[in-house]
Amino acid sequence: MGDTSRDRSAERSHLPAASPPRNHGRTTAAWVTVTVIVVGATVSSIGVVAELPWVFWLGLGVILVGLVTGRVLKMFGLGQPAPSHSPHHR
């Protein structure tokens, strides 16, 4: 069924020193990135349905702008913080 031993010290020694942030990506960078990518995907989809290749490519350009904007916002400190690693953690 399962391990019924009471000694679980070996398991505890492999846990990270601190738990990662628990905001689940609820940051300005994440919201802006996802919103712009969804708009770009919608524009591209409209271009495909309307058989307008330039609208399709415009939507892909909007997606690229969203990715770059998200990265820039993260560099300005508006994104998820990088996890801190303990010296004993690989």
N, C-alpha and C. Protein backbone atom coordinates (compact mmCIF):
# COMPACT_ATOMS: atom_id res chain seq x y z
N MET A 1 0.82 -1.18 0.00
CA MET A 1 0.00 0.00 0.00
C MET A 1 0.86 1.24 0.00
N GLY A 2 1.58 1.47 1.03
CA GLY A 2 2.41 2.66 1.12
C GLY A 2 3.46 2.46 2.17
N ASP A 3 4.34 3.39 2.27
CA ASP A 3 5.39 3.33 3.26
C ASP A 3 4.81 3.66 4.63
N THR A 4 4.92 2.70 5.53
CA THR A 4 4.39 2.92 6.87
C THR A 4 5.47 3.23 7.89
N SER A 5 6.73 3.37 7.44
CA SER A 5 7.81 3.66 8.38
C SER A 5 7.68 5.09 8.90
N ARG A 6 8.14 5.30 10.10
CA ARG A 6 8.02 6.61 10.72
C ARG A 6 9.22 7.50 10.41
N ASP A 7 10.30 6.95 9.91
CA ASP A 7 11.49 7.75 9.63
C ASP A 7 11.42 8.31 8.22
N ARG A 8 11.11 9.57 8.11
CA ARG A 8 11.02 10.23 6.81
C ARG A 8 12.04 11.37 6.72
N SER A 9 13.09 11.30 7.51
CA SER A 9 14.10 12.36 7.49
C SER A 9 14.81 12.43 6.15
N ALA A 10 14.96 11.30 5.47
CA ALA A 10 15.61 11.31 4.16
C ALA A 10 14.78 12.09 3.15
N GLU A 11 13.47 12.01 3.26
CA GLU A 11 12.60 12.76 2.36
C GLU A 11 12.70 14.25 2.62
N ARG A 12 12.73 14.63 3.87
CA ARG A 12 12.78 16.05 4.21
C ARG A 12 14.07 16.71 3.77
N SER A 13 15.15 15.98 3.74
CA SER A 13 16.44 16.59 3.38
C SER A 13 16.51 16.99 1.92
N HIS A 14 15.62 16.51 1.08
CA HIS A 14 15.64 16.83 -0.34
C HIS A 14 14.66 17.92 -0.73
N LEU A 15 13.95 18.47 0.24
CA LEU A 15 13.01 19.54 -0.06
C LEU A 15 13.77 20.85 -0.25
N PRO A 16 13.26 21.75 -1.09
CA PRO A 16 13.92 23.05 -1.26
C PRO A 16 13.88 23.86 0.03
N ALA A 17 14.83 24.77 0.17
CA ALA A 17 14.93 25.57 1.39
C ALA A 17 13.70 26.45 1.58
N ALA A 18 13.16 26.98 0.50
CA ALA A 18 11.97 27.84 0.59
C ALA A 18 11.01 27.45 -0.52
N SER A 19 9.75 27.61 -0.24
CA SER A 19 8.77 27.29 -1.26
C SER A 19 8.74 28.41 -2.31
N PRO A 20 8.40 28.08 -3.54
CA PRO A 20 8.34 29.10 -4.59
C PRO A 20 7.19 30.07 -4.33
N PRO A 21 7.21 31.22 -4.97
CA PRO A 21 6.11 32.17 -4.81
C PRO A 21 4.78 31.52 -5.16
N ARG A 22 3.74 31.90 -4.47
CA ARG A 22 2.43 31.27 -4.67
C ARG A 22 1.43 32.20 -5.34
N ASN A 23 1.90 33.09 -6.21
CA ASN A 23 0.95 33.99 -6.86
C ASN A 23 0.43 33.41 -8.17
N HIS A 24 0.89 32.25 -8.57
CA HIS A 24 0.39 31.54 -9.76
C HIS A 24 0.44 32.41 -11.01
N GLY A 25 1.44 33.26 -11.12
CA GLY A 25 1.58 34.09 -12.31
C GLY A 25 0.69 35.30 -12.34
N ARG A 26 0.08 35.64 -11.23
CA ARG A 26 -0.80 36.81 -11.19
C ARG A 26 0.04 38.08 -11.05
N THR A 27 0.75 38.39 -12.13
CA THR A 27 1.60 39.57 -12.15
C THR A 27 1.21 40.44 -13.33
N THR A 28 1.65 41.67 -13.29
CA THR A 28 1.37 42.58 -14.41
C THR A 28 1.94 42.03 -15.70
N ALA A 29 3.17 41.54 -15.65
CA ALA A 29 3.80 41.00 -16.86
C ALA A 29 3.00 39.84 -17.43
N ALA A 30 2.53 38.96 -16.58
CA ALA A 30 1.76 37.80 -17.05
C ALA A 30 0.44 38.22 -17.66
N TRP A 31 -0.28 39.12 -17.00
CA TRP A 31 -1.58 39.56 -17.52
C TRP A 31 -1.43 40.27 -18.85
N VAL A 32 -0.46 41.16 -18.96
CA VAL A 32 -0.26 41.90 -20.21
C VAL A 32 0.13 40.93 -21.32
N THR A 33 1.05 40.02 -21.03
CA THR A 33 1.51 39.07 -22.05
C THR A 33 0.36 38.22 -22.56
N VAL A 34 -0.40 37.63 -21.67
CA VAL A 34 -1.50 36.75 -22.07
C VAL A 34 -2.57 37.53 -22.83
N THR A 35 -2.90 38.72 -22.37
CA THR A 35 -3.93 39.51 -23.04
C THR A 35 -3.53 39.86 -24.46
N VAL A 36 -2.29 40.32 -24.64
CA VAL A 36 -1.84 40.71 -25.98
C VAL A 36 -1.74 39.48 -26.89
N ILE A 37 -1.30 38.35 -26.35
CA ILE A 37 -1.22 37.14 -27.17
C ILE A 37 -2.61 36.67 -27.59
N VAL A 38 -3.58 36.74 -26.70
CA VAL A 38 -4.95 36.35 -27.06
C VAL A 38 -5.51 37.27 -28.14
N VAL A 39 -5.24 38.57 -28.02
CA VAL A 39 -5.69 39.51 -29.07
C VAL A 39 -5.03 39.17 -30.40
N GLY A 40 -3.72 38.90 -30.37
CA GLY A 40 -3.01 38.54 -31.59
C GLY A 40 -3.54 37.25 -32.21
N ALA A 41 -3.83 36.27 -31.38
CA ALA A 41 -4.37 35.01 -31.90
C ALA A 41 -5.75 35.22 -32.51
N THR A 42 -6.54 36.09 -31.90
CA THR A 42 -7.87 36.38 -32.44
C THR A 42 -7.75 37.08 -33.79
N VAL A 43 -6.85 38.04 -33.89
CA VAL A 43 -6.64 38.74 -35.16
C VAL A 43 -6.16 37.76 -36.23
N SER A 44 -5.22 36.89 -35.88
CA SER A 44 -4.75 35.89 -36.85
C SER A 44 -5.87 34.95 -37.28
N SER A 45 -6.70 34.55 -36.35
CA SER A 45 -7.82 33.67 -36.68
C SER A 45 -8.80 34.34 -37.63
N ILE A 46 -9.06 35.61 -37.39
CA ILE A 46 -9.94 36.36 -38.29
C ILE A 46 -9.32 36.43 -39.68
N GLY A 47 -8.00 36.61 -39.73
CA GLY A 47 -7.32 36.65 -41.03
C GLY A 47 -7.43 35.34 -41.79
N VAL A 48 -7.37 34.23 -41.07
CA VAL A 48 -7.50 32.93 -41.73
C VAL A 48 -8.92 32.73 -42.24
N VAL A 49 -9.91 33.04 -41.40
CA VAL A 49 -11.30 32.85 -41.79
C VAL A 49 -11.67 33.76 -42.96
N ALA A 50 -11.19 35.01 -42.92
CA ALA A 50 -11.53 35.97 -43.97
C ALA A 50 -10.63 35.84 -45.19
N GLU A 51 -9.70 34.90 -45.16
CA GLU A 51 -8.76 34.69 -46.25
C GLU A 51 -7.98 35.96 -46.59
N LEU A 52 -7.51 36.63 -45.54
CA LEU A 52 -6.70 37.83 -45.68
C LEU A 52 -5.33 37.56 -45.05
N PRO A 53 -4.35 37.18 -45.87
CA PRO A 53 -3.04 36.83 -45.32
C PRO A 53 -2.38 37.96 -44.53
N TRP A 54 -2.58 39.21 -44.93
CA TRP A 54 -1.94 40.30 -44.21
C TRP A 54 -2.50 40.45 -42.80
N VAL A 55 -3.79 40.11 -42.60
CA VAL A 55 -4.37 40.17 -41.26
C VAL A 55 -3.81 39.03 -40.41
N PHE A 56 -3.61 37.87 -41.03
CA PHE A 56 -2.99 36.75 -40.32
C PHE A 56 -1.60 37.14 -39.83
N TRP A 57 -0.79 37.72 -40.72
CA TRP A 57 0.57 38.11 -40.33
C TRP A 57 0.56 39.26 -39.32
N LEU A 58 -0.41 40.13 -39.42
CA LEU A 58 -0.55 41.20 -38.44
C LEU A 58 -0.79 40.60 -37.05
N GLY A 59 -1.63 39.61 -36.97
CA GLY A 59 -1.89 38.94 -35.70
C GLY A 59 -0.65 38.27 -35.13
N LEU A 60 0.14 37.65 -36.01
CA LEU A 60 1.39 37.06 -35.54
C LEU A 60 2.35 38.13 -35.03
N GLY A 61 2.35 39.29 -35.69
CA GLY A 61 3.16 40.41 -35.21
C GLY A 61 2.72 40.89 -33.84
N VAL A 62 1.41 40.92 -33.62
CA VAL A 62 0.88 41.31 -32.31
C VAL A 62 1.33 40.31 -31.24
N ILE A 63 1.32 39.03 -31.58
CA ILE A 63 1.78 38.01 -30.64
C ILE A 63 3.25 38.23 -30.29
N LEU A 64 4.06 38.52 -31.29
CA LEU A 64 5.48 38.80 -31.04
C LEU A 64 5.65 40.02 -30.13
N VAL A 65 4.88 41.07 -30.38
CA VAL A 65 4.93 42.25 -29.52
C VAL A 65 4.55 41.89 -28.08
N GLY A 66 3.56 41.03 -27.91
CA GLY A 66 3.15 40.60 -26.58
C GLY A 66 4.25 39.85 -25.85
N LEU A 67 4.96 38.99 -26.56
CA LEU A 67 6.06 38.25 -25.94
C LEU A 67 7.19 39.18 -25.51
N VAL A 68 7.54 40.12 -26.38
CA VAL A 68 8.61 41.07 -26.06
C VAL A 68 8.19 41.96 -24.89
N THR A 69 6.95 42.43 -24.93
CA THR A 69 6.45 43.30 -23.85
C THR A 69 6.47 42.58 -22.51
N GLY A 70 6.06 41.33 -22.49
CA GLY A 70 6.09 40.55 -21.26
C GLY A 70 7.49 40.39 -20.71
N ARG A 71 8.44 40.15 -21.58
CA ARG A 71 9.83 39.99 -21.15
C ARG A 71 10.37 41.31 -20.58
N VAL A 72 10.04 42.42 -21.25
CA VAL A 72 10.50 43.72 -20.78
C VAL A 72 9.88 44.04 -19.41
N LEU A 73 8.60 43.78 -19.26
CA LEU A 73 7.94 44.02 -17.97
C LEU A 73 8.56 43.17 -16.87
N LYS A 74 8.92 41.94 -17.19
CA LYS A 74 9.57 41.08 -16.20
C LYS A 74 10.94 41.65 -15.82
N MET A 75 11.67 42.17 -16.80
CA MET A 75 12.97 42.76 -16.51
C MET A 75 12.84 44.01 -15.64
N PHE A 76 11.72 44.71 -15.73
CA PHE A 76 11.46 45.88 -14.88
C PHE A 76 10.95 45.49 -13.50
N GLY A 77 10.84 44.20 -13.23
CA GLY A 77 10.43 43.75 -11.91
C GLY A 77 8.95 43.56 -11.72
N LEU A 78 8.19 43.53 -12.81
CA LEU A 78 6.74 43.37 -12.70
C LEU A 78 6.28 41.94 -12.96
N GLY A 79 7.23 41.00 -12.98
CA GLY A 79 6.89 39.61 -13.24
C GLY A 79 7.15 38.73 -12.04
N GLN A 80 7.07 37.44 -12.27
CA GLN A 80 7.32 36.45 -11.23
C GLN A 80 8.79 36.51 -10.83
N PRO A 81 9.10 36.60 -9.54
CA PRO A 81 10.50 36.60 -9.13
C PRO A 81 11.15 35.25 -9.40
N ALA A 82 12.43 35.27 -9.70
CA ALA A 82 13.16 34.03 -9.93
C ALA A 82 13.27 33.27 -8.61
N PRO A 83 13.14 31.95 -8.67
CA PRO A 83 13.25 31.18 -7.42
C PRO A 83 14.67 31.24 -6.89
N SER A 84 14.78 31.35 -5.58
CA SER A 84 16.12 31.35 -4.98
C SER A 84 16.51 29.92 -4.67
N HIS A 85 17.71 29.58 -5.04
CA HIS A 85 18.20 28.21 -4.83
C HIS A 85 19.17 28.19 -3.66
N SER A 86 19.01 27.20 -2.83
CA SER A 86 19.96 27.04 -1.73
C SER A 86 21.25 26.45 -2.28
N PRO A 87 22.36 26.63 -1.61
CA PRO A 87 23.63 26.10 -2.12
C PRO A 87 23.64 24.58 -2.19
N HIS A 88 22.76 23.89 -1.45
CA HIS A 88 22.75 22.44 -1.46
C HIS A 88 21.76 21.88 -2.48
N HIS A 89 20.99 22.74 -3.11
CA HIS A 89 19.95 22.30 -4.05
C HIS A 89 20.49 22.39 -5.47
N ARG A 90 20.26 21.34 -6.26
CA ARG A 90 20.73 21.35 -7.64
C ARG A 90 19.68 21.77 -8.57
